[in-house]
Amino acid sequence: MTRLSAASLLLVLAAVASARAATLAGVEMPHTVTVDGTTLVPNGIGPREATRLRIKAYVGALYLEKPSSDAGTVIDSRQPKRVTLKFLRDIDRHNLASG
């Protein structure tokens, strides 16, 4: 994943939802995750559509130690981060990348 697409994903996830875990498209994300002994909370959750038919491909959640709505701050910070993707269907690489 390029830095630009990673930044886009982080920005979308930060902007789409609140800092609480949620259920989206039937996918439930955990309220917290632990990375290297640090508890992270959701910064955002959002769907990704793929193909020209705008089929929901996956739901992604961004977990941070200190939530932020500023993508630059999130990307540049040295805090632990985790992106969790739960795929909703089988979509090949080409269709996922072109969505």
PDB file of N, CA and C in Angstrom:
ATOM      1  N   MET A   1       0.853  -1.167   0.000  1.00  0.00           N
ATOM      2  CA  MET A   1       0.000   0.000   0.000  1.00  0.00           C
ATOM      3  C   MET A   1       0.902   1.233   0.000  1.00  0.00           C
ATOM      4  N   THR A   2       0.642   2.150  -0.886  1.00  0.00           N
ATOM      5  CA  THR A   2       1.453   3.364  -0.956  1.00  0.00           C
ATOM      6  C   THR A   2       1.114   4.298   0.191  1.00  0.00           C
ATOM      7  N   ARG A   3       2.005   5.243   0.445  1.00  0.00           N
ATOM      8  CA  ARG A   3       1.782   6.208   1.532  1.00  0.00           C
ATOM      9  C   ARG A   3       0.497   7.004   1.280  1.00  0.00           C
ATOM     10  N   LEU A   4       0.254   7.360   0.017  1.00  0.00           N
ATOM     11  CA  LEU A   4      -0.950   8.130  -0.311  1.00  0.00           C
ATOM     12  C   LEU A   4      -2.210   7.320  -0.054  1.00  0.00           C
ATOM     13  N   SER A   5      -2.237   6.049  -0.490  1.00  0.00           N
ATOM     14  CA  SER A   5      -3.445   5.253  -0.266  1.00  0.00           C
ATOM     15  C   SER A   5      -3.603   4.930   1.212  1.00  0.00           C
ATOM     16  N   ALA A   6      -2.502   4.751   1.941  1.00  0.00           N
ATOM     17  CA  ALA A   6      -2.590   4.540   3.384  1.00  0.00           C
ATOM     18  C   ALA A   6      -3.144   5.788   4.053  1.00  0.00           C
ATOM     19  N   ALA A   7      -2.680   6.956   3.610  1.00  0.00           N
ATOM     20  CA  ALA A   7      -3.184   8.212   4.172  1.00  0.00           C
ATOM     21  C   ALA A   7      -4.668   8.362   3.877  1.00  0.00           C
ATOM     22  N   SER A   8      -5.075   8.005   2.672  1.00  0.00           N
ATOM     23  CA  SER A   8      -6.491   8.089   2.310  1.00  0.00           C
ATOM     24  C   SER A   8      -7.333   7.175   3.182  1.00  0.00           C
ATOM     25  N   LEU A   9      -6.852   5.944   3.379  1.00  0.00           N
ATOM     26  CA  LEU A   9      -7.580   5.002   4.220  1.00  0.00           C
ATOM     27  C   LEU A   9      -7.701   5.537   5.636  1.00  0.00           C
ATOM     28  N   LEU A  10      -6.612   6.053   6.174  1.00  0.00           N
ATOM     29  CA  LEU A  10      -6.641   6.588   7.535  1.00  0.00           C
ATOM     30  C   LEU A  10      -7.593   7.764   7.640  1.00  0.00           C
ATOM     31  N   LEU A  11      -7.561   8.643   6.644  1.00  0.00           N
ATOM     32  CA  LEU A  11      -8.439   9.811   6.674  1.00  0.00           C
ATOM     33  C   LEU A  11      -9.904   9.403   6.594  1.00  0.00           C
ATOM     34  N   VAL A  12     -10.211   8.472   5.704  1.00  0.00           N
ATOM     35  CA  VAL A  12     -11.590   8.004   5.572  1.00  0.00           C
ATOM     36  C   VAL A  12     -12.058   7.350   6.863  1.00  0.00           C
ATOM     37  N   LEU A  13     -11.226   6.492   7.428  1.00  0.00           N
ATOM     38  CA  LEU A  13     -11.617   5.821   8.660  1.00  0.00           C
ATOM     39  C   LEU A  13     -11.784   6.810   9.803  1.00  0.00           C
ATOM     40  N   ALA A  14     -10.953   7.819   9.834  1.00  0.00           N
ATOM     41  CA  ALA A  14     -11.062   8.821  10.895  1.00  0.00           C
ATOM     42  C   ALA A  14     -12.323   9.653  10.734  1.00  0.00           C
ATOM     43  N   ALA A  15     -12.696   9.941   9.502  1.00  0.00           N
ATOM     44  CA  ALA A  15     -13.816  10.835   9.253  1.00  0.00           C
ATOM     45  C   ALA A  15     -15.168  10.133   9.275  1.00  0.00           C
ATOM     46  N   VAL A  16     -15.187   8.843   8.980  1.00  0.00           N
ATOM     47  CA  VAL A  16     -16.455   8.151   8.789  1.00  0.00           C
ATOM     48  C   VAL A  16     -17.213   7.888  10.073  1.00  0.00           C
ATOM     49  N   ALA A  17     -16.516   7.607  11.163  1.00  0.00           N
ATOM     50  CA  ALA A  17     -17.232   7.157  12.347  1.00  0.00           C
ATOM     51  C   ALA A  17     -16.640   7.724  13.626  1.00  0.00           C
ATOM     52  N   SER A  18     -17.375   7.555  14.670  1.00  0.00           N
ATOM     53  CA  SER A  18     -16.947   8.037  15.975  1.00  0.00           C
ATOM     54  C   SER A  18     -15.883   7.129  16.558  1.00  0.00           C
ATOM     55  N   ALA A  19     -15.417   7.490  17.739  1.00  0.00           N
ATOM     56  CA  ALA A  19     -14.352   6.742  18.399  1.00  0.00           C
ATOM     57  C   ALA A  19     -14.879   5.515  19.145  1.00  0.00           C
ATOM     58  N   ARG A  20     -16.077   5.082  18.886  1.00  0.00           N
ATOM     59  CA  ARG A  20     -16.623   3.894  19.526  1.00  0.00           C
ATOM     60  C   ARG A  20     -16.662   2.741  18.531  1.00  0.00           C
ATOM     61  N   ALA A  21     -16.509   1.551  19.075  1.00  0.00           N
ATOM     62  CA  ALA A  21     -16.644   0.380  18.228  1.00  0.00           C
ATOM     63  C   ALA A  21     -18.075   0.305  17.739  1.00  0.00           C
ATOM     64  N   ALA A  22     -18.245  -0.311  16.598  1.00  0.00           N
ATOM     65  CA  ALA A  22     -19.579  -0.323  16.003  1.00  0.00           C
ATOM     66  C   ALA A  22     -19.764  -1.545  15.124  1.00  0.00           C
ATOM     67  N   THR A  23     -20.985  -1.694  14.687  1.00  0.00           N
ATOM     68  CA  THR A  23     -21.310  -2.700  13.692  1.00  0.00           C
ATOM     69  C   THR A  23     -21.639  -1.958  12.405  1.00  0.00           C
ATOM     70  N   LEU A  24     -21.021  -2.377  11.324  1.00  0.00           N
ATOM     71  CA  LEU A  24     -21.249  -1.755  10.029  1.00  0.00           C
ATOM     72  C   LEU A  24     -21.333  -2.854   8.991  1.00  0.00           C
ATOM     73  N   ALA A  25     -22.355  -2.827   8.178  1.00  0.00           N
ATOM     74  CA  ALA A  25     -22.571  -3.843   7.136  1.00  0.00           C
ATOM     75  C   ALA A  25     -22.549  -5.250   7.725  1.00  0.00           C
ATOM     76  N   GLY A  26     -23.057  -5.365   8.952  1.00  0.00           N
ATOM     77  CA  GLY A  26     -23.098  -6.669   9.601  1.00  0.00           C
ATOM     78  C   GLY A  26     -21.780  -7.113  10.217  1.00  0.00           C
ATOM     79  N   VAL A  27     -20.765  -6.269  10.173  1.00  0.00           N
ATOM     80  CA  VAL A  27     -19.453  -6.594  10.722  1.00  0.00           C
ATOM     81  C   VAL A  27     -19.266  -5.847  12.033  1.00  0.00           C
ATOM     82  N   GLU A  28     -18.983  -6.588  13.088  1.00  0.00           N
ATOM     83  CA  GLU A  28     -18.750  -5.962  14.388  1.00  0.00           C
ATOM     84  C   GLU A  28     -17.248  -5.892  14.651  1.00  0.00           C
ATOM     85  N   MET A  29     -16.790  -4.711  14.984  1.00  0.00           N
ATOM     86  CA  MET A  29     -15.387  -4.506  15.322  1.00  0.00           C
ATOM     87  C   MET A  29     -15.259  -4.440  16.844  1.00  0.00           C
ATOM     88  N   PRO A  30     -14.134  -4.920  17.388  1.00  0.00           N
ATOM     89  CA  PRO A  30     -13.963  -4.906  18.842  1.00  0.00           C
ATOM     90  C   PRO A  30     -13.878  -3.491  19.411  1.00  0.00           C
ATOM     91  N   HIS A  31     -14.234  -3.354  20.692  1.00  0.00           N
ATOM     92  CA  HIS A  31     -14.192  -2.059  21.378  1.00  0.00           C
ATOM     93  C   HIS A  31     -12.759  -1.599  21.615  1.00  0.00           C
ATOM     94  N   THR A  32     -11.853  -2.545  21.826  1.00  0.00           N
ATOM     95  CA  THR A  32     -10.430  -2.234  21.993  1.00  0.00           C
ATOM     96  C   THR A  32      -9.607  -3.368  21.406  1.00  0.00           C
ATOM     97  N   VAL A  33      -8.355  -3.065  21.081  1.00  0.00           N
ATOM     98  CA  VAL A  33      -7.373  -4.080  20.696  1.00  0.00           C
ATOM     99  C   VAL A  33      -6.093  -3.767  21.455  1.00  0.00           C
ATOM    100  N   THR A  34      -5.244  -4.765  21.625  1.00  0.00           N
ATOM    101  CA  THR A  34      -3.983  -4.563  22.313  1.00  0.00           C
ATOM    102  C   THR A  34      -2.839  -4.834  21.346  1.00  0.00           C
ATOM    103  N   VAL A  35      -1.904  -3.889  21.267  1.00  0.00           N
ATOM    104  CA  VAL A  35      -0.716  -4.013  20.424  1.00  0.00           C
ATOM    105  C   VAL A  35       0.499  -3.755  21.301  1.00  0.00           C
ATOM    106  N   ASP A  36       1.373  -4.737  21.410  1.00  0.00           N
ATOM    107  CA  ASP A  36       2.587  -4.620  22.230  1.00  0.00           C
ATOM    108  C   ASP A  36       2.278  -4.115  23.642  1.00  0.00           C
ATOM    109  N   GLY A  37       1.208  -4.622  24.230  1.00  0.00           N
ATOM    110  CA  GLY A  37       0.854  -4.258  25.592  1.00  0.00           C
ATOM    111  C   GLY A  37       0.119  -2.935  25.744  1.00  0.00           C
ATOM    112  N   THR A  38      -0.143  -2.241  24.633  1.00  0.00           N
ATOM    113  CA  THR A  38      -0.850  -0.956  24.665  1.00  0.00           C
ATOM    114  C   THR A  38      -2.277  -1.149  24.172  1.00  0.00           C
ATOM    115  N   THR A  39      -3.240  -0.657  24.933  1.00  0.00           N
ATOM    116  CA  THR A  39      -4.643  -0.752  24.534  1.00  0.00           C
ATOM    117  C   THR A  39      -4.961   0.369  23.553  1.00  0.00           C
ATOM    118  N   LEU A  40      -5.497  -0.013  22.414  1.00  0.00           N
ATOM    119  CA  LEU A  40      -5.884   0.943  21.374  1.00  0.00           C
ATOM    120  C   LEU A  40      -7.401   0.984  21.264  1.00  0.00           C
ATOM    121  N   VAL A  41      -7.915   2.146  20.915  1.00  0.00           N
ATOM    122  CA  VAL A  41      -9.360   2.337  20.751  1.00  0.00           C
ATOM    123  C   VAL A  41      -9.649   2.710  19.298  1.00  0.00           C
ATOM    124  N   PRO A  42     -10.872   2.479  18.848  1.00  0.00           N
ATOM    125  CA  PRO A  42     -11.201   2.804  17.461  1.00  0.00           C
ATOM    126  C   PRO A  42     -11.144   4.311  17.207  1.00  0.00           C
ATOM    127  N   ASN A  43     -10.533   4.671  16.112  1.00  0.00           N
ATOM    128  CA  ASN A  43     -10.523   6.066  15.666  1.00  0.00           C
ATOM    129  C   ASN A  43     -11.604   6.267  14.609  1.00  0.00           C
ATOM    130  N   GLY A  44     -11.957   5.190  13.935  1.00  0.00           N
ATOM    131  CA  GLY A  44     -12.988   5.257  12.912  1.00  0.00           C
ATOM    132  C   GLY A  44     -13.220   3.903  12.288  1.00  0.00           C
ATOM    133  N   ILE A  45     -14.354   3.774  11.630  1.00  0.00           N
ATOM    134  CA  ILE A  45     -14.725   2.538  10.941  1.00  0.00           C
ATOM    135  C   ILE A  45     -15.424   2.945   9.651  1.00  0.00           C
ATOM    136  N   GLY A  46     -15.131   2.232   8.575  1.00  0.00           N
ATOM    137  CA  GLY A  46     -15.764   2.585   7.316  1.00  0.00           C
ATOM    138  C   GLY A  46     -15.718   1.455   6.307  1.00  0.00           C
ATOM    139  N   PRO A  47     -16.617   1.502   5.324  1.00  0.00           N
ATOM    140  CA  PRO A  47     -16.641   0.477   4.278  1.00  0.00           C
ATOM    141  C   PRO A  47     -15.731   0.852   3.121  1.00  0.00           C
ATOM    142  N   ARG A  48     -15.343  -0.133   2.344  1.00  0.00           N
ATOM    143  CA  ARG A  48     -14.598   0.086   1.100  1.00  0.00           C
ATOM    144  C   ARG A  48     -15.389  -0.596   0.007  1.00  0.00           C
ATOM    145  N   GLU A  49     -15.698   0.173  -1.028  1.00  0.00           N
ATOM    146  CA  GLU A  49     -16.422  -0.387  -2.164  1.00  0.00           C
ATOM    147  C   GLU A  49     -15.432  -0.688  -3.278  1.00  0.00           C
ATOM    148  N   ALA A  50     -15.691  -1.749  -4.007  1.00  0.00           N
ATOM    149  CA  ALA A  50     -14.821  -2.155  -5.102  1.00  0.00           C
ATOM    150  C   ALA A  50     -15.656  -2.430  -6.338  1.00  0.00           C
ATOM    151  N   THR A  51     -15.038  -2.416  -7.449  1.00  0.00           N
ATOM    152  CA  THR A  51     -15.606  -2.638  -8.772  1.00  0.00           C
ATOM    153  C   THR A  51     -16.510  -1.483  -9.166  1.00  0.00           C
ATOM    154  N   ARG A  52     -16.817  -1.427 -10.430  1.00  0.00           N
ATOM    155  CA  ARG A  52     -17.688  -0.363 -10.941  1.00  0.00           C
ATOM    156  C   ARG A  52     -19.117  -0.484 -10.428  1.00  0.00           C
ATOM    157  N   LEU A  53     -19.447  -1.649  -9.916  1.00  0.00           N
ATOM    158  CA  LEU A  53     -20.785  -1.861  -9.372  1.00  0.00           C
ATOM    159  C   LEU A  53     -20.889  -1.387  -7.925  1.00  0.00           C
ATOM    160  N   ARG A  54     -19.794  -0.879  -7.378  1.00  0.00           N
ATOM    161  CA  ARG A  54     -19.733  -0.333  -6.015  1.00  0.00           C
ATOM    162  C   ARG A  54     -20.164  -1.369  -4.979  1.00  0.00           C
ATOM    163  N   ILE A  55     -19.625  -2.572  -5.135  1.00  0.00           N
ATOM    164  CA  ILE A  55     -19.894  -3.668  -4.212  1.00  0.00           C
ATOM    165  C   ILE A  55     -19.062  -3.455  -2.956  1.00  0.00           C
ATOM    166  N   LYS A  56     -19.683  -3.584  -1.792  1.00  0.00           N
ATOM    167  CA  LYS A  56     -18.938  -3.457  -0.548  1.00  0.00           C
ATOM    168  C   LYS A  56     -17.925  -4.605  -0.450  1.00  0.00           C
ATOM    169  N   ALA A  57     -16.644  -4.249  -0.371  1.00  0.00           N
ATOM    170  CA  ALA A  57     -15.575  -5.242  -0.346  1.00  0.00           C
ATOM    171  C   ALA A  57     -15.180  -5.609   1.082  1.00  0.00           C
ATOM    172  N   TYR A  58     -14.984  -4.593   1.922  1.00  0.00           N
ATOM    173  CA  TYR A  58     -14.602  -4.863   3.302  1.00  0.00           C
ATOM    174  C   TYR A  58     -14.980  -3.696   4.189  1.00  0.00           C
ATOM    175  N   VAL A  59     -14.939  -3.956   5.479  1.00  0.00           N
ATOM    176  CA  VAL A  59     -15.090  -2.920   6.488  1.00  0.00           C
ATOM    177  C   VAL A  59     -13.738  -2.800   7.171  1.00  0.00           C
ATOM    178  N   GLY A  60     -13.265  -1.575   7.307  1.00  0.00           N
ATOM    179  CA  GLY A  60     -11.974  -1.343   7.941  1.00  0.00           C
ATOM    180  C   GLY A  60     -12.128  -0.487   9.185  1.00  0.00           C
ATOM    181  N   ALA A  61     -11.279  -0.751  10.169  1.00  0.00           N
ATOM    182  CA  ALA A  61     -11.272   0.046  11.390  1.00  0.00           C
ATOM    183  C   ALA A  61      -9.842   0.441  11.705  1.00  0.00           C
ATOM    184  N   LEU A  62      -9.659   1.673  12.111  1.00  0.00           N
ATOM    185  CA  LEU A  62      -8.357   2.183  12.520  1.00  0.00           C
ATOM    186  C   LEU A  62      -8.358   2.321  14.032  1.00  0.00           C
ATOM    187  N   TYR A  63      -7.388   1.686  14.674  1.00  0.00           N
ATOM    188  CA  TYR A  63      -7.242   1.750  16.130  1.00  0.00           C
ATOM    189  C   TYR A  63      -5.988   2.538  16.478  1.00  0.00           C
ATOM    190  N   LEU A  64      -6.138   3.451  17.441  1.00  0.00           N
ATOM    191  CA  LEU A  64      -5.032   4.294  17.887  1.00  0.00           C
ATOM    192  C   LEU A  64      -5.026   4.382  19.412  1.00  0.00           C
ATOM    193  N   GLU A  65      -3.867   4.730  19.952  1.00  0.00           N
ATOM    194  CA  GLU A  65      -3.774   4.984  21.379  1.00  0.00           C
ATOM    195  C   GLU A  65      -4.430   6.324  21.709  1.00  0.00           C
ATOM    196  N   LYS A  66      -4.191   7.308  20.848  1.00  0.00           N
ATOM    197  CA  LYS A  66      -4.757   8.651  21.021  1.00  0.00           C
ATOM    198  C   LYS A  66      -5.482   9.029  19.740  1.00  0.00           C
ATOM    199  N   PRO A  67      -6.805   8.902  19.698  1.00  0.00           N
ATOM    200  CA  PRO A  67      -7.559   9.205  18.486  1.00  0.00           C
ATOM    201  C   PRO A  67      -7.347  10.637  18.001  1.00  0.00           C
ATOM    202  N   SER A  68      -7.423  10.804  16.677  1.00  0.00           N
ATOM    203  CA  SER A  68      -7.255  12.112  16.051  1.00  0.00           C
ATOM    204  C   SER A  68      -8.014  12.131  14.742  1.00  0.00           C
ATOM    205  N   SER A  69      -8.490  13.305  14.351  1.00  0.00           N
ATOM    206  CA  SER A  69      -9.156  13.438  13.055  1.00  0.00           C
ATOM    207  C   SER A  69      -8.211  14.011  12.006  1.00  0.00           C
ATOM    208  N   ASP A  70      -6.957  14.271  12.371  1.00  0.00           N
ATOM    209  CA  ASP A  70      -5.967  14.827  11.459  1.00  0.00           C
ATOM    210  C   ASP A  70      -5.095  13.697  10.898  1.00  0.00           C
ATOM    211  N   ALA A  71      -5.292  13.372   9.617  1.00  0.00           N
ATOM    212  CA  ALA A  71      -4.575  12.251   8.994  1.00  0.00           C
ATOM    213  C   ALA A  71      -3.065  12.422   9.081  1.00  0.00           C
ATOM    214  N   GLY A  72      -2.560  13.627   8.880  1.00  0.00           N
ATOM    215  CA  GLY A  72      -1.120  13.862   8.959  1.00  0.00           C
ATOM    216  C   GLY A  72      -0.565  13.535  10.328  1.00  0.00           C
ATOM    217  N   THR A  73      -1.284  13.939  11.357  1.00  0.00           N
ATOM    218  CA  THR A  73      -0.867  13.652  12.727  1.00  0.00           C
ATOM    219  C   THR A  73      -0.850  12.150  12.975  1.00  0.00           C
ATOM    220  N   VAL A  74      -1.873  11.458  12.508  1.00  0.00           N
ATOM    221  CA  VAL A  74      -1.964  10.013  12.701  1.00  0.00           C
ATOM    222  C   VAL A  74      -0.810   9.299  11.986  1.00  0.00           C
ATOM    223  N   ILE A  75      -0.571   9.643  10.745  1.00  0.00           N
ATOM    224  CA  ILE A  75       0.470   8.979   9.967  1.00  0.00           C
ATOM    225  C   ILE A  75       1.850   9.249  10.540  1.00  0.00           C
ATOM    226  N   ASP A  76       2.107  10.485  10.936  1.00  0.00           N
ATOM    227  CA  ASP A  76       3.439  10.857  11.405  1.00  0.00           C
ATOM    228  C   ASP A  76       3.711  10.486  12.858  1.00  0.00           C
ATOM    229  N   SER A  77       2.684  10.172  13.628  1.00  0.00           N
ATOM    230  CA  SER A  77       2.904   9.867  15.039  1.00  0.00           C
ATOM    231  C   SER A  77       3.588   8.507  15.181  1.00  0.00           C
ATOM    232  N   ARG A  78       4.301   8.367  16.268  1.00  0.00           N
ATOM    233  CA  ARG A  78       4.999   7.109  16.547  1.00  0.00           C
ATOM    234  C   ARG A  78       4.186   6.217  17.481  1.00  0.00           C
ATOM    235  N   GLN A  79       2.925   6.603  17.729  1.00  0.00           N
ATOM    236  CA  GLN A  79       2.083   5.783  18.590  1.00  0.00           C
ATOM    237  C   GLN A  79       1.745   4.459  17.905  1.00  0.00           C
ATOM    238  N   PRO A  80       1.455   3.423  18.674  1.00  0.00           N
ATOM    239  CA  PRO A  80       1.024   2.156  18.062  1.00  0.00           C
ATOM    240  C   PRO A  80      -0.268   2.380  17.277  1.00  0.00           C
ATOM    241  N   LYS A  81      -0.379   1.683  16.148  1.00  0.00           N
ATOM    242  CA  LYS A  81      -1.561   1.782  15.291  1.00  0.00           C
ATOM    243  C   LYS A  81      -1.927   0.380  14.821  1.00  0.00           C
ATOM    244  N   ARG A  82      -3.183   0.215  14.511  1.00  0.00           N
ATOM    245  CA  ARG A  82      -3.622  -1.050  13.918  1.00  0.00           C
ATOM    246  C   ARG A  82      -4.782  -0.776  12.984  1.00  0.00           C
ATOM    247  N   VAL A  83      -4.725  -1.345  11.801  1.00  0.00           N
ATOM    248  CA  VAL A  83      -5.843  -1.309  10.864  1.00  0.00           C
ATOM    249  C   VAL A  83      -6.362  -2.738  10.757  1.00  0.00           C
ATOM    250  N   THR A  84      -7.641  -2.907  11.010  1.00  0.00           N
ATOM    251  CA  THR A  84      -8.277  -4.213  10.913  1.00  0.00           C
ATOM    252  C   THR A  84      -9.245  -4.180   9.734  1.00  0.00           C
ATOM    253  N   LEU A  85      -9.101  -5.150   8.839  1.00  0.00           N
ATOM    254  CA  LEU A  85      -9.987  -5.264   7.677  1.00  0.00           C
ATOM    255  C   LEU A  85     -10.744  -6.579   7.782  1.00  0.00           C
ATOM    256  N   LYS A  86     -12.050  -6.507   7.630  1.00  0.00           N
ATOM    257  CA  LYS A  86     -12.872  -7.712   7.594  1.00  0.00           C
ATOM    258  C   LYS A  86     -13.562  -7.737   6.237  1.00  0.00           C
ATOM    259  N   PHE A  87     -13.130  -8.694   5.408  1.00  0.00           N
ATOM    260  CA  PHE A  87     -13.647  -8.782   4.045  1.00  0.00           C
ATOM    261  C   PHE A  87     -15.049  -9.363   4.031  1.00  0.00           C
ATOM    262  N   LEU A  88     -15.875  -8.794   3.157  1.00  0.00           N
ATOM    263  CA  LEU A  88     -17.275  -9.199   3.041  1.00  0.00           C
ATOM    264  C   LEU A  88     -17.496 -10.213   1.922  1.00  0.00           C
ATOM    265  N   ARG A  89     -16.545 -10.286   0.988  1.00  0.00           N
ATOM    266  CA  ARG A  89     -16.655 -11.214  -0.141  1.00  0.00           C
ATOM    267  C   ARG A  89     -15.299 -11.380  -0.792  1.00  0.00           C
ATOM    268  N   ASP A  90     -15.213 -12.328  -1.702  1.00  0.00           N
ATOM    269  CA  ASP A  90     -13.981 -12.529  -2.457  1.00  0.00           C
ATOM    270  C   ASP A  90     -13.937 -11.541  -3.615  1.00  0.00           C
ATOM    271  N   ILE A  91     -12.911 -10.717  -3.626  1.00  0.00           N
ATOM    272  CA  ILE A  91     -12.712  -9.761  -4.717  1.00  0.00           C
ATOM    273  C   ILE A  91     -11.251  -9.847  -5.106  1.00  0.00           C
ATOM    274  N   ASP A  92     -10.987  -9.971  -6.413  1.00  0.00           N
ATOM    275  CA  ASP A  92      -9.594 -10.104  -6.827  1.00  0.00           C
ATOM    276  C   ASP A  92      -8.845  -8.777  -6.677  1.00  0.00           C
ATOM    277  N   ARG A  93      -7.536  -8.871  -6.700  1.00  0.00           N
ATOM    278  CA  ARG A  93      -6.672  -7.714  -6.472  1.00  0.00           C
ATOM    279  C   ARG A  93      -6.955  -6.571  -7.435  1.00  0.00           C
ATOM    280  N   HIS A  94      -7.161  -6.888  -8.703  1.00  0.00           N
ATOM    281  CA  HIS A  94      -7.391  -5.860  -9.721  1.00  0.00           C
ATOM    282  C   HIS A  94      -8.662  -5.059  -9.396  1.00  0.00           C
ATOM    283  N   ASN A  95      -9.751  -5.737  -9.106  1.00  0.00           N
ATOM    284  CA  ASN A  95     -11.009  -5.045  -8.808  1.00  0.00           C
ATOM    285  C   ASN A  95     -10.932  -4.262  -7.503  1.00  0.00           C
ATOM    286  N   LEU A  96     -10.229  -4.783  -6.536  1.00  0.00           N
ATOM    287  CA  LEU A  96     -10.083  -4.081  -5.259  1.00  0.00           C
ATOM    288  C   LEU A  96      -9.283  -2.803  -5.450  1.00  0.00           C
ATOM    289  N   ALA A  97      -8.211  -2.857  -6.214  1.00  0.00           N
ATOM    290  CA  ALA A  97      -7.344  -1.700  -6.439  1.00  0.00           C
ATOM    291  C   ALA A  97      -8.005  -0.651  -7.325  1.00  0.00           C
ATOM    292  N   SER A  98      -8.900  -1.070  -8.218  1.00  0.00           N
ATOM    293  CA  SER A  98      -9.505  -0.127  -9.149  1.00  0.00           C
ATOM    294  C   SER A  98     -10.809   0.474  -8.628  1.00  0.00           C
ATOM    295  N   GLY A  99     -11.301  -0.007  -7.495  1.00  0.00           N
ATOM    296  CA  GLY A  99     -12.586   0.437  -6.959  1.00  0.00           C
ATOM    297  C   GLY A  99     -12.542   1.842  -6.557  1.00  0.00           C
TER     298      GLY A  99
END
